[in-house]
Each structure stands twice: as structure tokens, then as C-alpha cells.
Amino acid sequence: MERKQPDILYDLTNSSQTSDLFPKRFWKLCTLECLDMLENEARISSCQDKQGELYLRKNLLSYLQRIRGVTCDKDQIIITCGIQQSLDYLCRLFPPGRQTILMEEPGFHKAAAVFSNNNINVQKVPVDEHGIVVSKLPRVSDACAVYSTPSHQFPTGVTLSAGRRYELLEWAQKNDAFIMEDDFDSEFRYYSKPIPALQSIDRDDRVIYLGTFSKALSPSVRMGYMILPPKLLKAYFHRFENYNSTVSLLNQYVIARLIETGQYDRHVRRMNHIFRRRLERFSEELADVKDRIEISGNGTGQYFRFFRGYS
């Protein structure tokens, strides 16, 4: 039975997407170019490596090094169908005897659903105005990982402070655990430069870096990526030895071409400008009710939170 979708005038959920901002013209041009590239390379009907296309991984690495300060090798990058597939893969890589993941509270419920479906126990850790409260993590833990959104916490919007970043890395090292850094909309920062990724200051190979193209381009592109520390990369090659990539070959080429030509950077800058103006307009319109509604946000990402208050 088909479920009837409700009529919505204004969708203010984090799942909403503005379709008119998709870079249609550049996507069309790059698609035609990439079809010719694939034909010339005799790749248009080929099976793909499980890690994703080298052409995309090379260009993505260059972009992440420049924009997010990420340090890794192209062979550590795995192209996936989005954050949930990335997390699903990771659940199969953690040791069988360590089936607990620590998560922020409040946190990303769709990530929690993946962990639950893989029979992994989830323990909650509180979040305050400086991000995940590292002091509330168990001092000694058999958890395999912490799932965190340090650049723009979901759903509070706060940024993990510099001090807590080092504390979190120290905790992971002492407990032989990993940190899953979901950096999902870090490119959007309206009043200051983006803060480098947690992965960029990791010196002990504890951070698993997770990213997506859903926020900058569109969720329908169905493409994300993860950067695995060497220890997990070895486990990945063993576990998924006979897998092929499930991500569209053409779309991988198109995004790689967008990055290579600088069109992706220009698109992100345009999005930052538009979303900053929308945030300011939204704040202006709510000024008359600021005694009843508080907006929580720090000029980053694609969302902010409402708090209903009483004067």
C-alpha cells in the first residue's frame, strides 16, 4: 500500500534539499566529457575496483588535503554509496569481541540505526556547548570506536573545541579504540575559515574520516567516502577482497572532473554565499519573537536548532 505524503509548505528538516542549487550546467558538461573519457579508456562497461575509481580518489585526496588538512594516501580512500554504507562496512571490520560504539547524545539517529542493525551495542555520551564531553567517556572501555561529528555536531550545531579534540585522541589511544569522524557538512562555514579535520591532527592512526557529497551536491548522487587507518585498511582488503564497487562509475568520473577543473570549489563557495544570506534572513524574520524562540548555531553547516522558550 502506497503511503500518502503530506503536503508541506516549508520543509525545515535536515533532510530537505534545495534542488535549484544543484550545478546542472556543469554536471551536464562534465557528464559529456566523462563519457568520452570512459569510451577512450575502454572503461564504459567495465567492472570497478571495490575501493572506487582511482581518478576520483586522486582528485578527492588533493581536495581534502587542501580544504580539510587531511593526511593520507590515495589507497586509504574507499568510495561508498553514502554515510550509512560506510558505517555498515566499518561494523564488519571491528573485532568480534568489541561490539560497543560510543555515540554523542543527542546524536545522528540514522547512524545509530546502522549500528543497531549490525547488533552493535550503542552507549550514549552527553554533548554540551563545546561538543562531546570527553570527561564523560568511560576511563577504561572495551568499545571499538566513538562516533562523533566534531566540525558541526548533529543536531546541536556546536564545534568540538581544540582542547577536547586532543583529549578525545588521547582517550582513543589509551583504549586502543577508533574515532569515526563524520565530517558531513564541514565545507559550509559562513563567517570564518573551516576548522581542520580531527584527522589532520591524529598522529596515532586512530581517526576514520567519513565524508559525503550529499550536502554539497545532492543526496540522490548517492556517494560518500571513508579514509581508513592502515590497520583497518588491511582488514578491509581481507574482508572485501571479492567485492566490486556499488557506486556509479560515470558519477565518480563526473565528480572527479568537477574537482579537477575547480568547478566543485566554485559551487561550494556559491552555496556558502547563498546559505549565509538565508541564515541572516531567517534570523531577521525571527527577531520579533526572539523572547520566545532561541536559535542555536555558530554560522556553520546547513542547519540550526530552534529552542522554544518563555518570557
C-alpha atoms as a PDB file:
ATOM      1  CA  MET A   1       0.000   0.000   0.000  1.00  0.00           C
ATOM      2  CA  GLU A   2       1.430   3.352  -1.072  1.00  0.00           C
ATOM      3  CA  ARG A   3       1.844   5.862   1.742  1.00  0.00           C
ATOM      4  CA  LYS A   4       0.426   9.300   1.043  1.00  0.00           C
ATOM      5  CA  GLN A   5       2.976  12.049   1.517  1.00  0.00           C
ATOM      6  CA  PRO A   6       1.716  15.064   3.478  1.00  0.00           C
ATOM      7  CA  ASP A   7       1.531  18.465   1.812  1.00  0.00           C
ATOM      8  CA  ILE A   8       4.395  20.521   3.236  1.00  0.00           C
ATOM      9  CA  LEU A   9       4.688  24.227   2.578  1.00  0.00           C
ATOM     10  CA  TYR A  10       8.093  24.711   4.215  1.00  0.00           C
ATOM     11  CA  ASP A  11      10.345  21.753   4.950  1.00  0.00           C
ATOM     12  CA  LEU A  12      12.731  22.732   7.754  1.00  0.00           C
ATOM     13  CA  THR A  13      14.030  19.236   8.495  1.00  0.00           C
ATOM     14  CA  ASN A  14      17.661  18.293   7.946  1.00  0.00           C
ATOM     15  CA  SER A  15      16.501  16.007   5.118  1.00  0.00           C
ATOM     16  CA  SER A  16      15.243  18.889   2.970  1.00  0.00           C
ATOM     17  CA  GLN A  17      17.239  19.833  -0.115  1.00  0.00           C
ATOM     18  CA  THR A  18      17.060  22.822  -2.437  1.00  0.00           C
ATOM     19  CA  SER A  19      17.035  21.291  -5.920  1.00  0.00           C
ATOM     20  CA  ASP A  20      17.534  24.612  -7.727  1.00  0.00           C
ATOM     21  CA  LEU A  21      21.072  24.860  -6.285  1.00  0.00           C
ATOM     22  CA  PHE A  22      22.289  21.689  -7.989  1.00  0.00           C
ATOM     23  CA  PRO A  23      25.021  22.651 -10.536  1.00  0.00           C
ATOM     24  CA  LYS A  24      23.058  21.343 -13.519  1.00  0.00           C
ATOM     25  CA  ARG A  25      25.025  23.093 -16.264  1.00  0.00           C
ATOM     26  CA  PHE A  26      28.436  21.979 -15.029  1.00  0.00           C
ATOM     27  CA  TRP A  27      27.124  18.479 -14.327  1.00  0.00           C
ATOM     28  CA  LYS A  28      25.891  18.177 -17.943  1.00  0.00           C
ATOM     29  CA  LEU A  29      29.172  19.422 -19.383  1.00  0.00           C
ATOM     30  CA  CYS A  30      31.256  17.128 -17.195  1.00  0.00           C
ATOM     31  CA  THR A  31      28.999  14.160 -17.955  1.00  0.00           C
ATOM     32  CA  LEU A  32      29.605  14.563 -21.701  1.00  0.00           C
ATOM     33  CA  GLU A  33      33.348  14.945 -21.148  1.00  0.00           C
ATOM     34  CA  CYS A  34      33.475  11.893 -18.892  1.00  0.00           C
ATOM     35  CA  LEU A  35      31.500   9.732 -21.310  1.00  0.00           C
ATOM     36  CA  ASP A  36      34.179  10.474 -23.924  1.00  0.00           C
ATOM     37  CA  MET A  37      36.935   9.774 -21.375  1.00  0.00           C
ATOM     38  CA  LEU A  38      35.424   6.407 -20.444  1.00  0.00           C
ATOM     39  CA  GLU A  39      34.945   5.481 -24.076  1.00  0.00           C
ATOM     40  CA  ASN A  40      38.555   6.372 -24.925  1.00  0.00           C
ATOM     41  CA  GLU A  41      39.766   4.366 -21.935  1.00  0.00           C
ATOM     42  CA  ALA A  42      37.517   1.416 -22.900  1.00  0.00           C
ATOM     43  CA  ARG A  43      36.049   1.614 -19.387  1.00  0.00           C
ATOM     44  CA  ILE A  44      32.415   2.395 -20.092  1.00  0.00           C
ATOM     45  CA  SER A  45      31.245  -1.191 -19.476  1.00  0.00           C
ATOM     46  CA  SER A  46      33.940  -2.335 -17.075  1.00  0.00           C
ATOM     47  CA  CYS A  47      33.650  -3.644 -13.529  1.00  0.00           C
ATOM     48  CA  GLN A  48      35.025  -1.361 -10.850  1.00  0.00           C
ATOM     49  CA  ASP A  49      37.541  -1.852  -8.105  1.00  0.00           C
ATOM     50  CA  LYS A  50      35.956  -2.169  -4.652  1.00  0.00           C
ATOM     51  CA  GLN A  51      37.734   0.982  -3.466  1.00  0.00           C
ATOM     52  CA  GLY A  52      36.288   3.212  -6.170  1.00  0.00           C
ATOM     53  CA  GLU A  53      37.870   4.881  -9.170  1.00  0.00           C
ATOM     54  CA  LEU A  54      41.494   5.996  -8.869  1.00  0.00           C
ATOM     55  CA  TYR A  55      40.679   9.132 -10.894  1.00  0.00           C
ATOM     56  CA  LEU A  56      38.229  10.242  -8.189  1.00  0.00           C
ATOM     57  CA  ARG A  57      40.383   9.141  -5.263  1.00  0.00           C
ATOM     58  CA  LYS A  58      43.363  11.155  -6.529  1.00  0.00           C
ATOM     59  CA  ASN A  59      41.340  14.331  -7.034  1.00  0.00           C
ATOM     60  CA  LEU A  60      39.421  13.875  -3.791  1.00  0.00           C
ATOM     61  CA  LEU A  61      42.673  13.442  -1.856  1.00  0.00           C
ATOM     62  CA  SER A  62      44.043  16.673  -3.315  1.00  0.00           C
ATOM     63  CA  TYR A  63      40.833  18.492  -2.355  1.00  0.00           C
ATOM     64  CA  LEU A  64      40.698  17.118   1.202  1.00  0.00           C
ATOM     65  CA  GLN A  65      44.365  17.914   1.820  1.00  0.00           C
ATOM     66  CA  ARG A  66      43.799  21.500   0.720  1.00  0.00           C
ATOM     67  CA  ILE A  67      40.404  22.153   2.330  1.00  0.00           C
ATOM     68  CA  ARG A  68      40.354  19.898   5.409  1.00  0.00           C
ATOM     69  CA  GLY A  69      44.052  19.307   6.115  1.00  0.00           C
ATOM     70  CA  VAL A  70      43.584  15.545   5.749  1.00  0.00           C
ATOM     71  CA  THR A  71      46.746  13.426   5.650  1.00  0.00           C
ATOM     72  CA  CYS A  72      46.611  10.013   3.994  1.00  0.00           C
ATOM     73  CA  ASP A  73      47.438   8.054   0.868  1.00  0.00           C
ATOM     74  CA  LYS A  74      45.000   7.613  -2.023  1.00  0.00           C
ATOM     75  CA  ASP A  75      44.897   3.882  -1.281  1.00  0.00           C
ATOM     76  CA  GLN A  76      43.308   4.615   2.104  1.00  0.00           C
ATOM     77  CA  ILE A  77      40.229   6.170   0.451  1.00  0.00           C
ATOM     78  CA  ILE A  78      37.141   3.997  -0.103  1.00  0.00           C
ATOM     79  CA  ILE A  79      34.283   5.385  -2.229  1.00  0.00           C
ATOM     80  CA  THR A  80      30.857   4.311  -0.938  1.00  0.00           C
ATOM     81  CA  CYS A  81      27.158   4.956  -1.563  1.00  0.00           C
ATOM     82  CA  GLY A  82      26.983   7.331   1.396  1.00  0.00           C
ATOM     83  CA  ILE A  83      27.481   7.545   5.138  1.00  0.00           C
ATOM     84  CA  GLN A  84      25.259   4.592   6.025  1.00  0.00           C
ATOM     85  CA  GLN A  85      27.104   2.224   3.681  1.00  0.00           C
ATOM     86  CA  SER A  86      30.410   3.497   5.071  1.00  0.00           C
ATOM     87  CA  LEU A  87      29.240   2.740   8.614  1.00  0.00           C
ATOM     88  CA  ASP A  88      27.878  -0.641   7.547  1.00  0.00           C
ATOM     89  CA  TYR A  89      31.311  -1.578   6.154  1.00  0.00           C
ATOM     90  CA  LEU A  90      33.008  -0.412   9.345  1.00  0.00           C
ATOM     91  CA  CYS A  91      30.744  -2.548  11.518  1.00  0.00           C
ATOM     92  CA  ARG A  92      32.155  -5.594   9.715  1.00  0.00           C
ATOM     93  CA  LEU A  93      35.752  -4.525  10.284  1.00  0.00           C
ATOM     94  CA  PHE A  94      35.726  -4.105  14.052  1.00  0.00           C
ATOM     95  CA  PRO A  95      36.910  -7.075  16.193  1.00  0.00           C
ATOM     96  CA  PRO A  96      34.110  -9.557  17.077  1.00  0.00           C
ATOM     97  CA  GLY A  97      34.892  -9.241  20.778  1.00  0.00           C
ATOM     98  CA  ARG A  98      34.465  -5.464  20.841  1.00  0.00           C
ATOM     99  CA  GLN A  99      30.917  -4.766  19.748  1.00  0.00           C
ATOM    100  CA  THR A 100      30.220  -1.466  21.525  1.00  0.00           C
ATOM    101  CA  ILE A 101      30.244   2.013  19.959  1.00  0.00           C
ATOM    102  CA  LEU A 102      30.050   5.261  21.929  1.00  0.00           C
ATOM    103  CA  MET A 103      27.820   7.964  20.428  1.00  0.00           C
ATOM    104  CA  GLU A 104      27.004  11.595  21.095  1.00  0.00           C
ATOM    105  CA  GLU A 105      23.697  12.347  22.835  1.00  0.00           C
ATOM    106  CA  PRO A 106      21.827  13.904  21.158  1.00  0.00           C
ATOM    107  CA  GLY A 107      23.243  12.359  18.012  1.00  0.00           C
ATOM    108  CA  PHE A 108      22.619  11.141  14.477  1.00  0.00           C
ATOM    109  CA  HIS A 109      19.799   8.582  14.715  1.00  0.00           C
ATOM    110  CA  LYS A 110      20.461   7.174  11.229  1.00  0.00           C
ATOM    111  CA  ALA A 111      23.978   6.206  12.269  1.00  0.00           C
ATOM    112  CA  ALA A 112      22.592   4.569  15.407  1.00  0.00           C
ATOM    113  CA  ALA A 113      20.200   2.565  13.210  1.00  0.00           C
ATOM    114  CA  VAL A 114      23.131   1.120  11.240  1.00  0.00           C
ATOM    115  CA  PHE A 115      24.921   0.084  14.425  1.00  0.00           C
ATOM    116  CA  SER A 116      21.749  -1.479  15.807  1.00  0.00           C
ATOM    117  CA  ASN A 117      21.126  -3.447  12.608  1.00  0.00           C
ATOM    118  CA  ASN A 118      24.643  -4.859  12.919  1.00  0.00           C
ATOM    119  CA  ASN A 119      23.983  -5.977  16.505  1.00  0.00           C
ATOM    120  CA  ILE A 120      26.383  -3.433  17.940  1.00  0.00           C
ATOM    121  CA  ASN A 121      25.687  -2.020  21.373  1.00  0.00           C
ATOM    122  CA  VAL A 122      25.414   1.782  21.484  1.00  0.00           C
ATOM    123  CA  GLN A 123      26.319   3.772  24.600  1.00  0.00           C
ATOM    124  CA  LYS A 124      25.466   7.480  24.794  1.00  0.00           C
ATOM    125  CA  VAL A 125      27.858  10.268  25.801  1.00  0.00           C
ATOM    126  CA  PRO A 126      26.481  13.781  26.501  1.00  0.00           C
ATOM    127  CA  VAL A 127      27.170  16.868  24.404  1.00  0.00           C
ATOM    128  CA  ASP A 128      27.444  20.450  25.689  1.00  0.00           C
ATOM    129  CA  GLU A 129      28.276  23.819  24.121  1.00  0.00           C
ATOM    130  CA  HIS A 130      31.843  22.631  23.381  1.00  0.00           C
ATOM    131  CA  GLY A 131      30.917  19.294  21.779  1.00  0.00           C
ATOM    132  CA  ILE A 132      31.126  15.766  23.110  1.00  0.00           C
ATOM    133  CA  VAL A 133      32.030  15.763  26.820  1.00  0.00           C
ATOM    134  CA  VAL A 134      35.199  13.681  26.723  1.00  0.00           C
ATOM    135  CA  SER A 135      35.368  13.512  30.524  1.00  0.00           C
ATOM    136  CA  LYS A 136      32.122  11.509  30.429  1.00  0.00           C
ATOM    137  CA  LEU A 137      33.699   8.767  28.314  1.00  0.00           C
ATOM    138  CA  PRO A 138      34.493   5.660  30.384  1.00  0.00           C
ATOM    139  CA  ARG A 139      38.119   5.891  31.504  1.00  0.00           C
ATOM    140  CA  VAL A 140      38.638   2.209  30.693  1.00  0.00           C
ATOM    141  CA  SER A 141      36.472   0.834  27.908  1.00  0.00           C
ATOM    142  CA  ASP A 142      36.229  -2.139  25.576  1.00  0.00           C
ATOM    143  CA  ALA A 143      34.354  -0.016  22.994  1.00  0.00           C
ATOM    144  CA  CYS A 144      35.754  -0.386  19.494  1.00  0.00           C
ATOM    145  CA  ALA A 145      35.020   3.219  18.480  1.00  0.00           C
ATOM    146  CA  VAL A 146      33.455   6.599  19.175  1.00  0.00           C
ATOM    147  CA  TYR A 147      31.141   8.073  16.541  1.00  0.00           C
ATOM    148  CA  SER A 148      31.424  11.874  16.530  1.00  0.00           C
ATOM    149  CA  THR A 149      30.576  14.936  14.422  1.00  0.00           C
ATOM    150  CA  PRO A 150      33.263  17.368  15.647  1.00  0.00           C
ATOM    151  CA  SER A 151      33.105  20.086  12.972  1.00  0.00           C
ATOM    152  CA  HIS A 152      29.350  20.639  13.197  1.00  0.00           C
ATOM    153  CA  GLN A 153      27.709  18.428  15.776  1.00  0.00           C
ATOM    154  CA  PHE A 154      24.419  16.850  14.807  1.00  0.00           C
ATOM    155  CA  PRO A 155      21.931  18.110  15.849  1.00  0.00           C
ATOM    156  CA  THR A 156      23.163  20.879  18.210  1.00  0.00           C
ATOM    157  CA  GLY A 157      25.460  22.523  15.637  1.00  0.00           C
ATOM    158  CA  VAL A 158      28.341  23.100  18.079  1.00  0.00           C
ATOM    159  CA  THR A 159      32.008  22.670  17.128  1.00  0.00           C
ATOM    160  CA  LEU A 160      34.275  20.444  19.203  1.00  0.00           C
ATOM    161  CA  SER A 161      36.821  22.645  20.982  1.00  0.00           C
ATOM    162  CA  ALA A 162      40.533  22.286  20.284  1.00  0.00           C
ATOM    163  CA  GLY A 163      41.286  21.036  23.793  1.00  0.00           C
ATOM    164  CA  ARG A 164      38.671  18.319  23.623  1.00  0.00           C
ATOM    165  CA  ARG A 165      39.939  17.194  20.234  1.00  0.00           C
ATOM    166  CA  TYR A 166      43.295  16.307  21.764  1.00  0.00           C
ATOM    167  CA  GLU A 167      41.581  14.763  24.785  1.00  0.00           C
ATOM    168  CA  LEU A 168      39.470  12.576  22.504  1.00  0.00           C
ATOM    169  CA  LEU A 169      42.524  11.422  20.559  1.00  0.00           C
ATOM    170  CA  GLU A 170      44.333  10.644  23.823  1.00  0.00           C
ATOM    171  CA  TRP A 171      41.333   8.644  25.076  1.00  0.00           C
ATOM    172  CA  ALA A 172      41.256   6.611  21.826  1.00  0.00           C
ATOM    173  CA  GLN A 173      44.968   5.860  22.073  1.00  0.00           C
ATOM    174  CA  LYS A 174      44.749   4.729  25.706  1.00  0.00           C
ATOM    175  CA  ASN A 175      41.746   2.480  24.992  1.00  0.00           C
ATOM    176  CA  ASP A 176      43.016   1.146  21.652  1.00  0.00           C
ATOM    177  CA  ALA A 177      39.833   2.470  20.011  1.00  0.00           C
ATOM    178  CA  PHE A 178      38.981   4.352  16.828  1.00  0.00           C
ATOM    179  CA  ILE A 179      37.192   7.666  16.283  1.00  0.00           C
ATOM    180  CA  MET A 180      34.677   7.804  13.445  1.00  0.00           C
ATOM    181  CA  GLU A 181      34.827  11.455  12.381  1.00  0.00           C
ATOM    182  CA  ASP A 182      31.674  12.248  10.395  1.00  0.00           C
ATOM    183  CA  ASP A 183      32.650  15.490   8.633  1.00  0.00           C
ATOM    184  CA  PHE A 184      29.375  15.695   6.692  1.00  0.00           C
ATOM    185  CA  ASP A 185      28.957  19.456   6.064  1.00  0.00           C
ATOM    186  CA  SER A 186      32.246  20.958   7.186  1.00  0.00           C
ATOM    187  CA  GLU A 187      32.663  22.870   3.906  1.00  0.00           C
ATOM    188  CA  PHE A 188      29.910  25.267   4.934  1.00  0.00           C
ATOM    189  CA  ARG A 189      31.251  27.934   7.280  1.00  0.00           C
ATOM    190  CA  TYR A 190      29.909  31.438   6.807  1.00  0.00           C
ATOM    191  CA  TYR A 191      31.930  33.819   8.978  1.00  0.00           C
ATOM    192  CA  SER A 192      35.327  32.164   9.350  1.00  0.00           C
ATOM    193  CA  LYS A 193      37.579  29.637   7.693  1.00  0.00           C
ATOM    194  CA  PRO A 194      36.752  25.937   8.195  1.00  0.00           C
ATOM    195  CA  ILE A 195      38.459  24.276  11.156  1.00  0.00           C
ATOM    196  CA  PRO A 196      40.831  21.493  10.003  1.00  0.00           C
ATOM    197  CA  ALA A 197      39.534  17.969  10.398  1.00  0.00           C
ATOM    198  CA  LEU A 198      40.226  15.979  13.540  1.00  0.00           C
ATOM    199  CA  GLN A 199      42.011  13.513  11.263  1.00  0.00           C
ATOM    200  CA  SER A 200      44.583  16.188  10.412  1.00  0.00           C
ATOM    201  CA  ILE A 201      45.977  16.209  13.976  1.00  0.00           C
ATOM    202  CA  ASP A 202      45.809  12.441  14.517  1.00  0.00           C
ATOM    203  CA  ARG A 203      49.337  11.080  14.957  1.00  0.00           C
ATOM    204  CA  ASP A 204      48.394   7.584  16.097  1.00  0.00           C
ATOM    205  CA  ASP A 205      46.138   6.429  13.197  1.00  0.00           C
ATOM    206  CA  ARG A 206      43.009   6.440  15.359  1.00  0.00           C
ATOM    207  CA  VAL A 207      40.650   8.509  13.183  1.00  0.00           C
ATOM    208  CA  ILE A 208      38.381   7.072  10.493  1.00  0.00           C
ATOM    209  CA  TYR A 209      37.423  10.038   8.334  1.00  0.00           C
ATOM    210  CA  LEU A 210      33.901   9.971   6.834  1.00  0.00           C
ATOM    211  CA  GLY A 211      32.566  12.340   4.182  1.00  0.00           C
ATOM    212  CA  THR A 212      29.766  12.694   1.675  1.00  0.00           C
ATOM    213  CA  PHE A 213      28.777  14.630  -1.440  1.00  0.00           C
ATOM    214  CA  SER A 214      25.101  14.661  -0.390  1.00  0.00           C
ATOM    215  CA  LYS A 215      25.205  18.089   1.260  1.00  0.00           C
ATOM    216  CA  ALA A 216      27.236  19.973  -1.353  1.00  0.00           C
ATOM    217  CA  LEU A 217      25.626  18.328  -4.403  1.00  0.00           C
ATOM    218  CA  SER A 218      22.550  16.181  -3.760  1.00  0.00           C
ATOM    219  CA  PRO A 219      21.524  13.126  -1.725  1.00  0.00           C
ATOM    220  CA  SER A 220      20.399  11.492  -4.983  1.00  0.00           C
ATOM    221  CA  VAL A 221      24.031  11.316  -6.167  1.00  0.00           C
ATOM    222  CA  ARG A 222      24.413   8.583  -3.517  1.00  0.00           C
ATOM    223  CA  MET A 223      28.121   8.951  -2.951  1.00  0.00           C
ATOM    224  CA  GLY A 224      30.344   9.242   0.088  1.00  0.00           C
ATOM    225  CA  TYR A 225      33.793   8.144   1.139  1.00  0.00           C
ATOM    226  CA  MET A 226      35.836   6.998   4.092  1.00  0.00           C
ATOM    227  CA  ILE A 227      39.536   7.159   4.857  1.00  0.00           C
ATOM    228  CA  LEU A 228      40.749   4.124   6.764  1.00  0.00           C
ATOM    229  CA  PRO A 229      43.770   3.991   9.088  1.00  0.00           C
ATOM    230  CA  PRO A 230      46.350   1.408   7.913  1.00  0.00           C
ATOM    231  CA  LYS A 231      45.269  -1.184  10.492  1.00  0.00           C
ATOM    232  CA  LEU A 232      41.653  -1.146   9.325  1.00  0.00           C
ATOM    233  CA  LEU A 233      42.665  -0.885   5.667  1.00  0.00           C
ATOM    234  CA  LYS A 234      44.375  -4.264   5.964  1.00  0.00           C
ATOM    235  CA  ALA A 235      41.196  -5.739   7.457  1.00  0.00           C
ATOM    236  CA  TYR A 236      39.139  -4.122   4.669  1.00  0.00           C
ATOM    237  CA  PHE A 237      41.214  -5.730   1.917  1.00  0.00           C
ATOM    238  CA  HIS A 238      40.846  -9.107   3.592  1.00  0.00           C
ATOM    239  CA  ARG A 239      37.110  -8.855   4.308  1.00  0.00           C
ATOM    240  CA  PHE A 240      36.031  -7.336   0.980  1.00  0.00           C
ATOM    241  CA  GLU A 241      38.560  -8.994  -1.305  1.00  0.00           C
ATOM    242  CA  ASN A 242      35.919 -10.231  -3.781  1.00  0.00           C
ATOM    243  CA  TYR A 243      33.669  -7.144  -3.750  1.00  0.00           C
ATOM    244  CA  ASN A 244      33.115  -4.665  -6.583  1.00  0.00           C
ATOM    245  CA  SER A 245      32.187  -1.024  -6.073  1.00  0.00           C
ATOM    246  CA  THR A 246      28.439  -0.320  -5.999  1.00  0.00           C
ATOM    247  CA  VAL A 247      28.883   3.363  -6.890  1.00  0.00           C
ATOM    248  CA  SER A 248      28.097   4.651 -10.392  1.00  0.00           C
ATOM    249  CA  LEU A 249      31.267   4.721 -12.480  1.00  0.00           C
ATOM    250  CA  LEU A 250      30.056   7.708 -14.517  1.00  0.00           C
ATOM    251  CA  ASN A 251      29.139   9.721 -11.409  1.00  0.00           C
ATOM    252  CA  GLN A 252      32.554   9.044  -9.920  1.00  0.00           C
ATOM    253  CA  TYR A 253      34.179  10.429 -13.052  1.00  0.00           C
ATOM    254  CA  VAL A 254      31.870  13.444 -13.124  1.00  0.00           C
ATOM    255  CA  ILE A 255      32.645  14.435  -9.526  1.00  0.00           C
ATOM    256  CA  ALA A 256      36.356  13.868 -10.100  1.00  0.00           C
ATOM    257  CA  ARG A 257      36.162  16.150 -13.131  1.00  0.00           C
ATOM    258  CA  LEU A 258      34.267  18.815 -11.166  1.00  0.00           C
ATOM    259  CA  ILE A 259      37.008  18.793  -8.536  1.00  0.00           C
ATOM    260  CA  GLU A 260      39.821  18.713 -11.093  1.00  0.00           C
ATOM    261  CA  THR A 261      38.507  21.731 -13.036  1.00  0.00           C
ATOM    262  CA  GLY A 262      37.765  23.807  -9.928  1.00  0.00           C
ATOM    263  CA  GLN A 263      34.020  23.806 -10.566  1.00  0.00           C
ATOM    264  CA  TYR A 264      33.375  21.985  -7.283  1.00  0.00           C
ATOM    265  CA  ASP A 265      35.198  24.709  -5.326  1.00  0.00           C
ATOM    266  CA  ARG A 266      33.223  27.420  -7.103  1.00  0.00           C
ATOM    267  CA  HIS A 267      29.976  25.578  -6.404  1.00  0.00           C
ATOM    268  CA  VAL A 268      30.787  25.280  -2.684  1.00  0.00           C
ATOM    269  CA  ARG A 269      31.640  28.996  -2.486  1.00  0.00           C
ATOM    270  CA  ARG A 270      28.321  29.813  -4.161  1.00  0.00           C
ATOM    271  CA  MET A 271      26.457  27.590  -1.713  1.00  0.00           C
ATOM    272  CA  ASN A 272      28.203  29.261   1.232  1.00  0.00           C
ATOM    273  CA  HIS A 273      27.126  32.687  -0.017  1.00  0.00           C
ATOM    274  CA  ILE A 274      23.507  31.636  -0.542  1.00  0.00           C
ATOM    275  CA  PHE A 275      23.157  29.797   2.767  1.00  0.00           C
ATOM    276  CA  ARG A 276      24.759  32.651   4.714  1.00  0.00           C
ATOM    277  CA  ARG A 277      22.189  35.060   3.252  1.00  0.00           C
ATOM    278  CA  ARG A 278      19.374  32.636   4.064  1.00  0.00           C
ATOM    279  CA  LEU A 279      20.576  32.247   7.640  1.00  0.00           C
ATOM    280  CA  GLU A 280      20.729  36.012   8.080  1.00  0.00           C
ATOM    281  CA  ARG A 281      17.277  36.460   6.551  1.00  0.00           C
ATOM    282  CA  PHE A 282      15.828  33.746   8.757  1.00  0.00           C
ATOM    283  CA  SER A 283      17.342  35.375  11.853  1.00  0.00           C
ATOM    284  CA  GLU A 284      15.944  38.770  10.834  1.00  0.00           C
ATOM    285  CA  GLU A 285      12.450  37.369  10.356  1.00  0.00           C
ATOM    286  CA  LEU A 286      12.535  35.721  13.783  1.00  0.00           C
ATOM    287  CA  ALA A 287      13.817  38.822  15.571  1.00  0.00           C
ATOM    288  CA  ASP A 288      10.314  39.784  16.674  1.00  0.00           C
ATOM    289  CA  VAL A 289       9.861  36.513  18.568  1.00  0.00           C
ATOM    290  CA  LYS A 290      13.365  36.158  19.984  1.00  0.00           C
ATOM    291  CA  ASP A 291      11.924  36.248  23.512  1.00  0.00           C
ATOM    292  CA  ARG A 292      10.068  33.009  22.737  1.00  0.00           C
ATOM    293  CA  ILE A 293      12.380  31.261  20.237  1.00  0.00           C
ATOM    294  CA  GLU A 294      16.128  30.864  20.519  1.00  0.00           C
ATOM    295  CA  ILE A 295      18.275  29.903  17.522  1.00  0.00           C
ATOM    296  CA  SER A 296      21.280  27.727  18.289  1.00  0.00           C
ATOM    297  CA  GLY A 297      24.028  27.772  15.668  1.00  0.00           C
ATOM    298  CA  ASN A 298      27.525  29.059  15.013  1.00  0.00           C
ATOM    299  CA  GLY A 299      27.424  30.020  11.346  1.00  0.00           C
ATOM    300  CA  THR A 300      28.357  26.583  10.060  1.00  0.00           C
ATOM    301  CA  GLY A 301      26.668  23.754   8.218  1.00  0.00           C
ATOM    302  CA  GLN A 302      23.245  23.654   6.595  1.00  0.00           C
ATOM    303  CA  TYR A 303      21.058  23.735   9.668  1.00  0.00           C
ATOM    304  CA  PHE A 304      20.466  25.360  13.048  1.00  0.00           C
ATOM    305  CA  ARG A 305      18.243  24.460  16.001  1.00  0.00           C
ATOM    306  CA  PHE A 306      15.164  26.110  17.432  1.00  0.00           C
ATOM    307  CA  PHE A 307      14.542  26.277  21.157  1.00  0.00           C
ATOM    308  CA  ARG A 308      11.110  27.295  22.351  1.00  0.00           C
ATOM    309  CA  GLY A 309      11.382  29.496  25.388  1.00  0.00           C
ATOM    310  CA  TYR A 310       9.053  31.531  27.553  1.00  0.00           C
ATOM    311  CA  SER A 311       9.474  35.133  28.599  1.00  0.00           C
END
